[in-house]
Amino acid sequence: MVFTLCCSLLSSLSLALMAAAPVRAQGVPIDDEALSAVYGQAMFSLSNTSADGFDFSRITLNADVRLAATLGGLRLGEYTRALRNGTGADIDIGTLQLGNAATRSTVSVTDPYIEFVYRNVGNAATREVVGMRLGFGSIKGDITLQANAVSGALLIQAGSNSIDSSKDPLGGVRWDGSACAGGSTCTLKLSDLAGVKAGDASGASRDFFVSVLKTAVSFPTMNPAMAASPAAQAGFWLNWRDRLSAVLK
């Protein structure tokens, strides 16, 4: 599913560029002073980093994109899990709607990227792909979200309350929002959500990604102004803790 979403986005953008009318202009020389005021940015950028015994290769589409889409019955990582089987899937979302067709609203995202994780790159006998993640540099807008259970690091503010997976004694694995530390029950559960608002007066939400991994990985941060996200766990994992507010039923 992650590969499909990524490839569909890149394919759509490529087709749009190829379909655009050709532009012709005569080139003219400019002096050094004028050239110093000219800058550009590649459509795609590639970065390679290493941390904690893993190597990372990230491909980023340097673009601002507006999305309007609806997904229903989204189940990722459907298998039996001993720790907490829950609904039988790592991510079980009944409805995910980006924007609203009725009001013609969209969700704005910047710098969509895909990042691959490797281990033992220098050893041909043992090197392997550990997994990948798909995310955005930022995301802002209204999102309809009806979730049954999610494996991930979530923080959704709701006034004086919050839906915070860090309260879960099992670390947010197939969590429905009900279990809290000390055996207590959380005030709000995922089933109380009608949606979320991504971004606030300070700006867009900046840490959204979905990963699929063979083992736990601490990804490098996308934004130098932010601390690194909590380690993503094996299986499918959703990370989203920045500037999110709840829309309750």
C-alpha atoms as a PDB file:
ATOM      1  CA  MET A   1       0.000   0.000   0.000  1.00  0.00           C
ATOM      2  CA  VAL A   2       2.838   2.405   0.827  1.00  0.00           C
ATOM      3  CA  PHE A   3       4.591   1.713  -2.482  1.00  0.00           C
ATOM      4  CA  THR A   4       1.293   2.145  -4.347  1.00  0.00           C
ATOM      5  CA  LEU A   5       0.528   5.532  -2.771  1.00  0.00           C
ATOM      6  CA  CYS A   6       4.022   6.826  -3.433  1.00  0.00           C
ATOM      7  CA  CYS A   7       4.206   5.656  -7.028  1.00  0.00           C
ATOM      8  CA  SER A   8       0.715   6.947  -7.795  1.00  0.00           C
ATOM      9  CA  LEU A   9       1.647  10.418  -6.557  1.00  0.00           C
ATOM     10  CA  LEU A  10       4.894  10.537  -8.495  1.00  0.00           C
ATOM     11  CA  SER A  11       3.250   9.151 -11.636  1.00  0.00           C
ATOM     12  CA  SER A  12       0.477  11.759 -11.517  1.00  0.00           C
ATOM     13  CA  LEU A  13       2.961  14.597 -11.165  1.00  0.00           C
ATOM     14  CA  SER A  14       5.117  13.248 -13.987  1.00  0.00           C
ATOM     15  CA  LEU A  15       2.143  12.966 -16.330  1.00  0.00           C
ATOM     16  CA  ALA A  16       1.087  16.512 -15.500  1.00  0.00           C
ATOM     17  CA  LEU A  17       4.532  17.819 -16.365  1.00  0.00           C
ATOM     18  CA  MET A  18       4.695  15.881 -19.624  1.00  0.00           C
ATOM     19  CA  ALA A  19       1.243  17.103 -20.631  1.00  0.00           C
ATOM     20  CA  ALA A  20       2.097  20.752 -20.068  1.00  0.00           C
ATOM     21  CA  ALA A  21       2.395  22.919 -23.175  1.00  0.00           C
ATOM     22  CA  PRO A  22       6.001  23.384 -24.350  1.00  0.00           C
ATOM     23  CA  VAL A  23       7.620  26.731 -23.550  1.00  0.00           C
ATOM     24  CA  ARG A  24      10.191  28.289 -25.883  1.00  0.00           C
ATOM     25  CA  ALA A  25      12.429  31.257 -25.175  1.00  0.00           C
ATOM     26  CA  GLN A  26      15.641  32.555 -26.574  1.00  0.00           C
ATOM     27  CA  GLY A  27      18.574  32.262 -24.206  1.00  0.00           C
ATOM     28  CA  VAL A  28      20.525  35.434 -23.434  1.00  0.00           C
ATOM     29  CA  PRO A  29      23.742  35.832 -21.434  1.00  0.00           C
ATOM     30  CA  ILE A  30      23.698  37.524 -18.022  1.00  0.00           C
ATOM     31  CA  ASP A  31      26.583  38.932 -16.017  1.00  0.00           C
ATOM     32  CA  ASP A  32      27.856  37.578 -12.683  1.00  0.00           C
ATOM     33  CA  GLU A  33      25.963  40.163 -10.625  1.00  0.00           C
ATOM     34  CA  ALA A  34      22.635  39.222 -12.211  1.00  0.00           C
ATOM     35  CA  LEU A  35      23.458  35.513 -11.945  1.00  0.00           C
ATOM     36  CA  SER A  36      24.000  35.834  -8.177  1.00  0.00           C
ATOM     37  CA  ALA A  37      20.311  36.715  -7.804  1.00  0.00           C
ATOM     38  CA  VAL A  38      19.175  33.540  -9.590  1.00  0.00           C
ATOM     39  CA  TYR A  39      18.529  30.357  -7.679  1.00  0.00           C
ATOM     40  CA  GLY A  40      16.814  27.052  -8.347  1.00  0.00           C
ATOM     41  CA  GLN A  41      15.911  23.801  -6.681  1.00  0.00           C
ATOM     42  CA  ALA A  42      15.831  20.319  -8.142  1.00  0.00           C
ATOM     43  CA  MET A  43      12.447  18.644  -8.404  1.00  0.00           C
ATOM     44  CA  PHE A  44      13.878  15.585  -6.639  1.00  0.00           C
ATOM     45  CA  SER A  45      16.635  15.476  -4.034  1.00  0.00           C
ATOM     46  CA  LEU A  46      18.494  12.483  -2.601  1.00  0.00           C
ATOM     47  CA  SER A  47      20.112  12.381   0.832  1.00  0.00           C
ATOM     48  CA  ASN A  48      22.087   9.574   2.468  1.00  0.00           C
ATOM     49  CA  THR A  49      22.671   9.386   6.222  1.00  0.00           C
ATOM     50  CA  SER A  50      23.781   6.832   8.825  1.00  0.00           C
ATOM     51  CA  ALA A  51      22.767   6.427  12.470  1.00  0.00           C
ATOM     52  CA  ASP A  52      22.609   3.677  15.106  1.00  0.00           C
ATOM     53  CA  GLY A  53      23.956   1.030  12.738  1.00  0.00           C
ATOM     54  CA  PHE A  54      21.479   1.797   9.959  1.00  0.00           C
ATOM     55  CA  ASP A  55      21.900   3.586   6.626  1.00  0.00           C
ATOM     56  CA  PHE A  56      19.122   5.751   5.200  1.00  0.00           C
ATOM     57  CA  SER A  57      18.435   6.879   1.626  1.00  0.00           C
ATOM     58  CA  ARG A  58      15.702   9.505   1.263  1.00  0.00           C
ATOM     59  CA  ILE A  59      14.177  10.683  -2.019  1.00  0.00           C
ATOM     60  CA  THR A  60      12.226  13.929  -1.602  1.00  0.00           C
ATOM     61  CA  LEU A  61       9.888  15.565  -4.085  1.00  0.00           C
ATOM     62  CA  ASN A  62      10.540  19.269  -3.516  1.00  0.00           C
ATOM     63  CA  ALA A  63       7.001  20.462  -4.144  1.00  0.00           C
ATOM     64  CA  ASP A  64       3.862  21.853  -2.561  1.00  0.00           C
ATOM     65  CA  VAL A  65       0.882  19.577  -3.212  1.00  0.00           C
ATOM     66  CA  ARG A  66      -2.841  19.906  -2.512  1.00  0.00           C
ATOM     67  CA  LEU A  67      -4.677  16.638  -1.869  1.00  0.00           C
ATOM     68  CA  ALA A  68      -8.350  15.710  -1.832  1.00  0.00           C
ATOM     69  CA  ALA A  69      -8.897  11.987  -1.388  1.00  0.00           C
ATOM     70  CA  THR A  70     -10.997   9.500   0.537  1.00  0.00           C
ATOM     71  CA  LEU A  71      -9.872   6.053   1.685  1.00  0.00           C
ATOM     72  CA  GLY A  72     -12.140   3.520   3.369  1.00  0.00           C
ATOM     73  CA  GLY A  73     -11.359   0.241   5.111  1.00  0.00           C
ATOM     74  CA  LEU A  74      -7.635   0.966   5.371  1.00  0.00           C
ATOM     75  CA  ARG A  75      -5.953  -2.044   7.015  1.00  0.00           C
ATOM     76  CA  LEU A  76      -2.160  -2.271   6.989  1.00  0.00           C
ATOM     77  CA  GLY A  77      -0.142  -5.078   8.580  1.00  0.00           C
ATOM     78  CA  GLU A  78      -2.923  -7.636   8.835  1.00  0.00           C
ATOM     79  CA  TYR A  79      -1.506 -10.627  10.722  1.00  0.00           C
ATOM     80  CA  THR A  80      -1.676 -12.243  14.170  1.00  0.00           C
ATOM     81  CA  ARG A  81       0.384 -10.373  16.742  1.00  0.00           C
ATOM     82  CA  ALA A  82       1.090 -11.874  20.159  1.00  0.00           C
ATOM     83  CA  LEU A  83       1.699  -8.594  22.010  1.00  0.00           C
ATOM     84  CA  ARG A  84      -1.762  -7.176  21.308  1.00  0.00           C
ATOM     85  CA  ASN A  85      -3.782  -8.584  18.444  1.00  0.00           C
ATOM     86  CA  GLY A  86      -6.546  -5.983  18.687  1.00  0.00           C
ATOM     87  CA  THR A  87      -8.449  -5.799  15.409  1.00  0.00           C
ATOM     88  CA  GLY A  88      -5.876  -8.010  13.694  1.00  0.00           C
ATOM     89  CA  ALA A  89      -4.080  -5.179  11.864  1.00  0.00           C
ATOM     90  CA  ASP A  90      -1.309  -2.755  12.832  1.00  0.00           C
ATOM     91  CA  ILE A  91      -3.302   0.129  11.360  1.00  0.00           C
ATOM     92  CA  ASP A  92      -7.088  -0.192  11.105  1.00  0.00           C
ATOM     93  CA  ILE A  93      -8.785   2.991   9.870  1.00  0.00           C
ATOM     94  CA  GLY A  94     -12.404   2.841   8.782  1.00  0.00           C
ATOM     95  CA  THR A  95     -12.407   6.237   7.024  1.00  0.00           C
ATOM     96  CA  LEU A  96      -9.618   8.617   6.071  1.00  0.00           C
ATOM     97  CA  GLN A  97     -10.663  11.693   4.109  1.00  0.00           C
ATOM     98  CA  LEU A  98      -8.184  14.389   3.136  1.00  0.00           C
ATOM     99  CA  GLY A  99     -10.088  17.584   2.516  1.00  0.00           C
ATOM    100  CA  ASN A 100     -13.812  17.803   1.821  1.00  0.00           C
ATOM    101  CA  ALA A 101     -15.353  17.440  -1.641  1.00  0.00           C
ATOM    102  CA  ALA A 102     -18.572  19.172  -0.531  1.00  0.00           C
ATOM    103  CA  THR A 103     -16.753  22.344   0.496  1.00  0.00           C
ATOM    104  CA  ARG A 104     -13.945  21.904  -2.049  1.00  0.00           C
ATOM    105  CA  SER A 105     -11.367  22.102   0.709  1.00  0.00           C
ATOM    106  CA  THR A 106      -8.002  20.365   0.353  1.00  0.00           C
ATOM    107  CA  VAL A 107      -5.101  19.312   2.499  1.00  0.00           C
ATOM    108  CA  SER A 108      -1.769  20.995   1.779  1.00  0.00           C
ATOM    109  CA  VAL A 109       1.435  18.963   1.984  1.00  0.00           C
ATOM    110  CA  THR A 110       5.036  19.893   1.280  1.00  0.00           C
ATOM    111  CA  ASP A 111       8.061  17.813   0.369  1.00  0.00           C
ATOM    112  CA  PRO A 112       6.580  14.296   0.137  1.00  0.00           C
ATOM    113  CA  TYR A 113       9.343  11.737   0.512  1.00  0.00           C
ATOM    114  CA  ILE A 114      10.153   8.052   0.603  1.00  0.00           C
ATOM    115  CA  GLU A 115      13.052   6.783   2.711  1.00  0.00           C
ATOM    116  CA  PHE A 116      14.658   3.334   2.645  1.00  0.00           C
ATOM    117  CA  VAL A 117      16.526   1.775   5.575  1.00  0.00           C
ATOM    118  CA  TYR A 118      19.478  -0.611   5.179  1.00  0.00           C
ATOM    119  CA  ARG A 119      21.663  -2.609   7.536  1.00  0.00           C
ATOM    120  CA  ASN A 120      25.230  -3.905   7.087  1.00  0.00           C
ATOM    121  CA  VAL A 121      25.698  -2.015   3.826  1.00  0.00           C
ATOM    122  CA  GLY A 122      29.446  -2.697   3.792  1.00  0.00           C
ATOM    123  CA  ASN A 123      29.069  -6.488   4.035  1.00  0.00           C
ATOM    124  CA  ALA A 124      27.779  -8.169   0.898  1.00  0.00           C
ATOM    125  CA  ALA A 125      26.967 -11.380   2.801  1.00  0.00           C
ATOM    126  CA  THR A 126      24.742  -9.792   5.463  1.00  0.00           C
ATOM    127  CA  ARG A 127      23.450  -6.468   4.092  1.00  0.00           C
ATOM    128  CA  GLU A 128      19.679  -6.169   3.821  1.00  0.00           C
ATOM    129  CA  VAL A 129      16.809  -3.749   3.415  1.00  0.00           C
ATOM    130  CA  VAL A 130      15.185  -3.281   6.822  1.00  0.00           C
ATOM    131  CA  GLY A 131      12.175  -1.323   5.577  1.00  0.00           C
ATOM    132  CA  MET A 132      10.992   2.108   4.510  1.00  0.00           C
ATOM    133  CA  ARG A 133       8.788   5.052   5.382  1.00  0.00           C
ATOM    134  CA  LEU A 134       6.583   7.433   3.426  1.00  0.00           C
ATOM    135  CA  GLY A 135       5.938  10.911   4.798  1.00  0.00           C
ATOM    136  CA  PHE A 136       5.650  14.660   4.293  1.00  0.00           C
ATOM    137  CA  GLY A 137       7.785  17.598   5.314  1.00  0.00           C
ATOM    138  CA  SER A 138       4.555  19.219   6.507  1.00  0.00           C
ATOM    139  CA  ILE A 139       0.803  18.736   6.269  1.00  0.00           C
ATOM    140  CA  LYS A 140      -2.016  21.184   7.001  1.00  0.00           C
ATOM    141  CA  GLY A 141      -5.787  20.970   6.726  1.00  0.00           C
ATOM    142  CA  ASP A 142      -8.933  19.230   7.930  1.00  0.00           C
ATOM    143  CA  ILE A 143      -8.937  15.436   7.894  1.00  0.00           C
ATOM    144  CA  THR A 144     -11.860  13.123   8.569  1.00  0.00           C
ATOM    145  CA  LEU A 145     -10.491  10.240  10.635  1.00  0.00           C
ATOM    146  CA  GLN A 146     -12.429   7.292  12.016  1.00  0.00           C
ATOM    147  CA  ALA A 147      -9.900   4.868  13.453  1.00  0.00           C
ATOM    148  CA  ASN A 148     -10.383   1.537  15.204  1.00  0.00           C
ATOM    149  CA  ALA A 149      -6.765   0.930  16.217  1.00  0.00           C
ATOM    150  CA  VAL A 150      -3.362   2.284  15.284  1.00  0.00           C
ATOM    151  CA  SER A 151       0.198   1.173  15.923  1.00  0.00           C
ATOM    152  CA  GLY A 152       2.225   4.321  16.264  1.00  0.00           C
ATOM    153  CA  ALA A 153       3.327   7.434  18.096  1.00  0.00           C
ATOM    154  CA  LEU A 154       0.260   9.705  18.272  1.00  0.00           C
ATOM    155  CA  LEU A 155      -0.501  12.937  20.087  1.00  0.00           C
ATOM    156  CA  ILE A 156      -3.847  14.604  19.338  1.00  0.00           C
ATOM    157  CA  GLN A 157      -4.856  17.532  21.533  1.00  0.00           C
ATOM    158  CA  ALA A 158      -8.493  17.931  22.624  1.00  0.00           C
ATOM    159  CA  GLY A 159      -8.730  20.932  24.922  1.00  0.00           C
ATOM    160  CA  SER A 160      -7.526  19.921  28.379  1.00  0.00           C
ATOM    161  CA  ASN A 161      -7.411  16.260  27.278  1.00  0.00           C
ATOM    162  CA  SER A 162      -5.409  14.434  24.651  1.00  0.00           C
ATOM    163  CA  ILE A 163      -5.093  11.146  22.813  1.00  0.00           C
ATOM    164  CA  ASP A 164      -1.471  10.272  23.552  1.00  0.00           C
ATOM    165  CA  SER A 165       0.039   6.896  22.733  1.00  0.00           C
ATOM    166  CA  SER A 166       2.919   7.549  25.151  1.00  0.00           C
ATOM    167  CA  LYS A 167       0.402   6.768  27.929  1.00  0.00           C
ATOM    168  CA  ASP A 168      -0.080   3.235  26.576  1.00  0.00           C
ATOM    169  CA  PRO A 169       1.761   0.632  28.719  1.00  0.00           C
ATOM    170  CA  LEU A 170       2.439  -1.444  25.569  1.00  0.00           C
ATOM    171  CA  GLY A 171       3.991   1.442  23.648  1.00  0.00           C
ATOM    172  CA  GLY A 172       1.224   2.195  21.173  1.00  0.00           C
ATOM    173  CA  VAL A 173       1.028  -1.215  19.464  1.00  0.00           C
ATOM    174  CA  ARG A 174      -2.452  -1.771  17.969  1.00  0.00           C
ATOM    175  CA  TRP A 175      -3.762   0.803  20.408  1.00  0.00           C
ATOM    176  CA  ASP A 176      -7.400   1.926  20.408  1.00  0.00           C
ATOM    177  CA  GLY A 177      -6.759   4.734  22.875  1.00  0.00           C
ATOM    178  CA  SER A 178      -8.379   3.037  25.858  1.00  0.00           C
ATOM    179  CA  ALA A 179      -5.411   1.548  27.737  1.00  0.00           C
ATOM    180  CA  CYS A 180      -3.346   3.933  29.885  1.00  0.00           C
ATOM    181  CA  ALA A 181      -0.428   3.491  32.252  1.00  0.00           C
ATOM    182  CA  GLY A 182      -1.206   2.081  35.683  1.00  0.00           C
ATOM    183  CA  GLY A 183      -4.130   0.059  34.387  1.00  0.00           C
ATOM    184  CA  SER A 184      -6.354   3.130  34.072  1.00  0.00           C
ATOM    185  CA  THR A 185      -8.663   3.988  31.194  1.00  0.00           C
ATOM    186  CA  CYS A 186      -7.878   7.056  29.077  1.00  0.00           C
ATOM    187  CA  THR A 187     -10.456   9.839  28.973  1.00  0.00           C
ATOM    188  CA  LEU A 188     -10.553   9.873  25.167  1.00  0.00           C
ATOM    189  CA  LYS A 189     -10.298   6.958  22.748  1.00  0.00           C
ATOM    190  CA  LEU A 190      -9.707   6.792  18.992  1.00  0.00           C
ATOM    191  CA  SER A 191     -13.382   5.939  18.548  1.00  0.00           C
ATOM    192  CA  ASP A 192     -14.268   9.400  19.950  1.00  0.00           C
ATOM    193  CA  LEU A 193     -12.635  11.075  16.953  1.00  0.00           C
ATOM    194  CA  ALA A 194     -14.568  12.440  14.003  1.00  0.00           C
ATOM    195  CA  GLY A 195     -11.375  13.871  12.548  1.00  0.00           C
ATOM    196  CA  VAL A 196      -8.270  15.923  13.185  1.00  0.00           C
ATOM    197  CA  LYS A 197      -7.071  19.372  12.251  1.00  0.00           C
ATOM    198  CA  ALA A 198      -3.450  19.296  11.129  1.00  0.00           C
ATOM    199  CA  GLY A 199      -1.532  22.498  11.844  1.00  0.00           C
ATOM    200  CA  ASP A 200      -2.260  25.502  14.024  1.00  0.00           C
ATOM    201  CA  ALA A 201      -1.471  29.213  14.236  1.00  0.00           C
ATOM    202  CA  SER A 202       2.234  28.355  14.514  1.00  0.00           C
ATOM    203  CA  GLY A 203       2.236  26.496  11.196  1.00  0.00           C
ATOM    204  CA  ALA A 204       1.700  23.085   9.631  1.00  0.00           C
ATOM    205  CA  SER A 205       2.112  19.704  11.312  1.00  0.00           C
ATOM    206  CA  ARG A 206       5.676  18.551  10.643  1.00  0.00           C
ATOM    207  CA  ASP A 207       6.239  14.923  11.611  1.00  0.00           C
ATOM    208  CA  PHE A 208       3.782  12.713   9.685  1.00  0.00           C
ATOM    209  CA  PHE A 209       5.063   9.404   8.312  1.00  0.00           C
ATOM    210  CA  VAL A 210       3.994   5.780   7.891  1.00  0.00           C
ATOM    211  CA  SER A 211       6.698   3.113   8.034  1.00  0.00           C
ATOM    212  CA  VAL A 212       6.926  -0.627   7.479  1.00  0.00           C
ATOM    213  CA  LEU A 213       9.920  -2.270   9.147  1.00  0.00           C
ATOM    214  CA  LYS A 214      11.442  -5.613  10.105  1.00  0.00           C
ATOM    215  CA  THR A 215      12.809  -4.180  13.354  1.00  0.00           C
ATOM    216  CA  ALA A 216      12.600  -0.983  15.409  1.00  0.00           C
ATOM    217  CA  VAL A 217      14.338   2.018  13.834  1.00  0.00           C
ATOM    218  CA  SER A 218      14.986   5.586  15.011  1.00  0.00           C
ATOM    219  CA  PHE A 219      14.668   7.670  11.849  1.00  0.00           C
ATOM    220  CA  PRO A 220      16.681  10.874  11.369  1.00  0.00           C
ATOM    221  CA  THR A 221      14.570  13.979  11.865  1.00  0.00           C
ATOM    222  CA  MET A 222      13.126  15.708   8.799  1.00  0.00           C
ATOM    223  CA  ASN A 223      13.145  19.100  10.502  1.00  0.00           C
ATOM    224  CA  PRO A 224      16.283  20.340  12.321  1.00  0.00           C
ATOM    225  CA  ALA A 225      14.064  22.518  14.541  1.00  0.00           C
ATOM    226  CA  MET A 226      12.394  19.417  15.997  1.00  0.00           C
ATOM    227  CA  ALA A 227      13.596  16.579  18.175  1.00  0.00           C
ATOM    228  CA  ALA A 228      13.769  13.137  16.597  1.00  0.00           C
ATOM    229  CA  SER A 229      10.520  11.149  16.549  1.00  0.00           C
ATOM    230  CA  PRO A 230      10.119   8.152  18.887  1.00  0.00           C
ATOM    231  CA  ALA A 231      11.548   4.932  17.458  1.00  0.00           C
ATOM    232  CA  ALA A 232       9.250   3.357  14.872  1.00  0.00           C
ATOM    233  CA  GLN A 233       8.489  -0.258  15.787  1.00  0.00           C
ATOM    234  CA  ALA A 234       8.443  -3.396  13.632  1.00  0.00           C
ATOM    235  CA  GLY A 235       5.440  -3.827  11.351  1.00  0.00           C
ATOM    236  CA  PHE A 236       3.400  -0.870  10.112  1.00  0.00           C
ATOM    237  CA  TRP A 237       3.777   2.261  12.225  1.00  0.00           C
ATOM    238  CA  LEU A 238       2.156   5.704  12.070  1.00  0.00           C
ATOM    239  CA  ASN A 239       4.036   8.696  13.523  1.00  0.00           C
ATOM    240  CA  TRP A 240       2.068  11.933  14.040  1.00  0.00           C
ATOM    241  CA  ARG A 241       2.512  14.044  17.181  1.00  0.00           C
ATOM    242  CA  ASP A 242       3.000  17.632  16.043  1.00  0.00           C
ATOM    243  CA  ARG A 243       0.329  20.377  16.018  1.00  0.00           C
ATOM    244  CA  LEU A 244      -2.722  18.104  15.872  1.00  0.00           C
ATOM    245  CA  SER A 245      -6.094  18.942  17.387  1.00  0.00           C
ATOM    246  CA  ALA A 246      -9.083  16.630  17.692  1.00  0.00           C
ATOM    247  CA  VAL A 247     -12.479  17.031  16.112  1.00  0.00           C
ATOM    248  CA  LEU A 248     -14.736  14.992  18.402  1.00  0.00           C
ATOM    249  CA  LYS A 249     -17.986  13.261  17.548  1.00  0.00           C
END
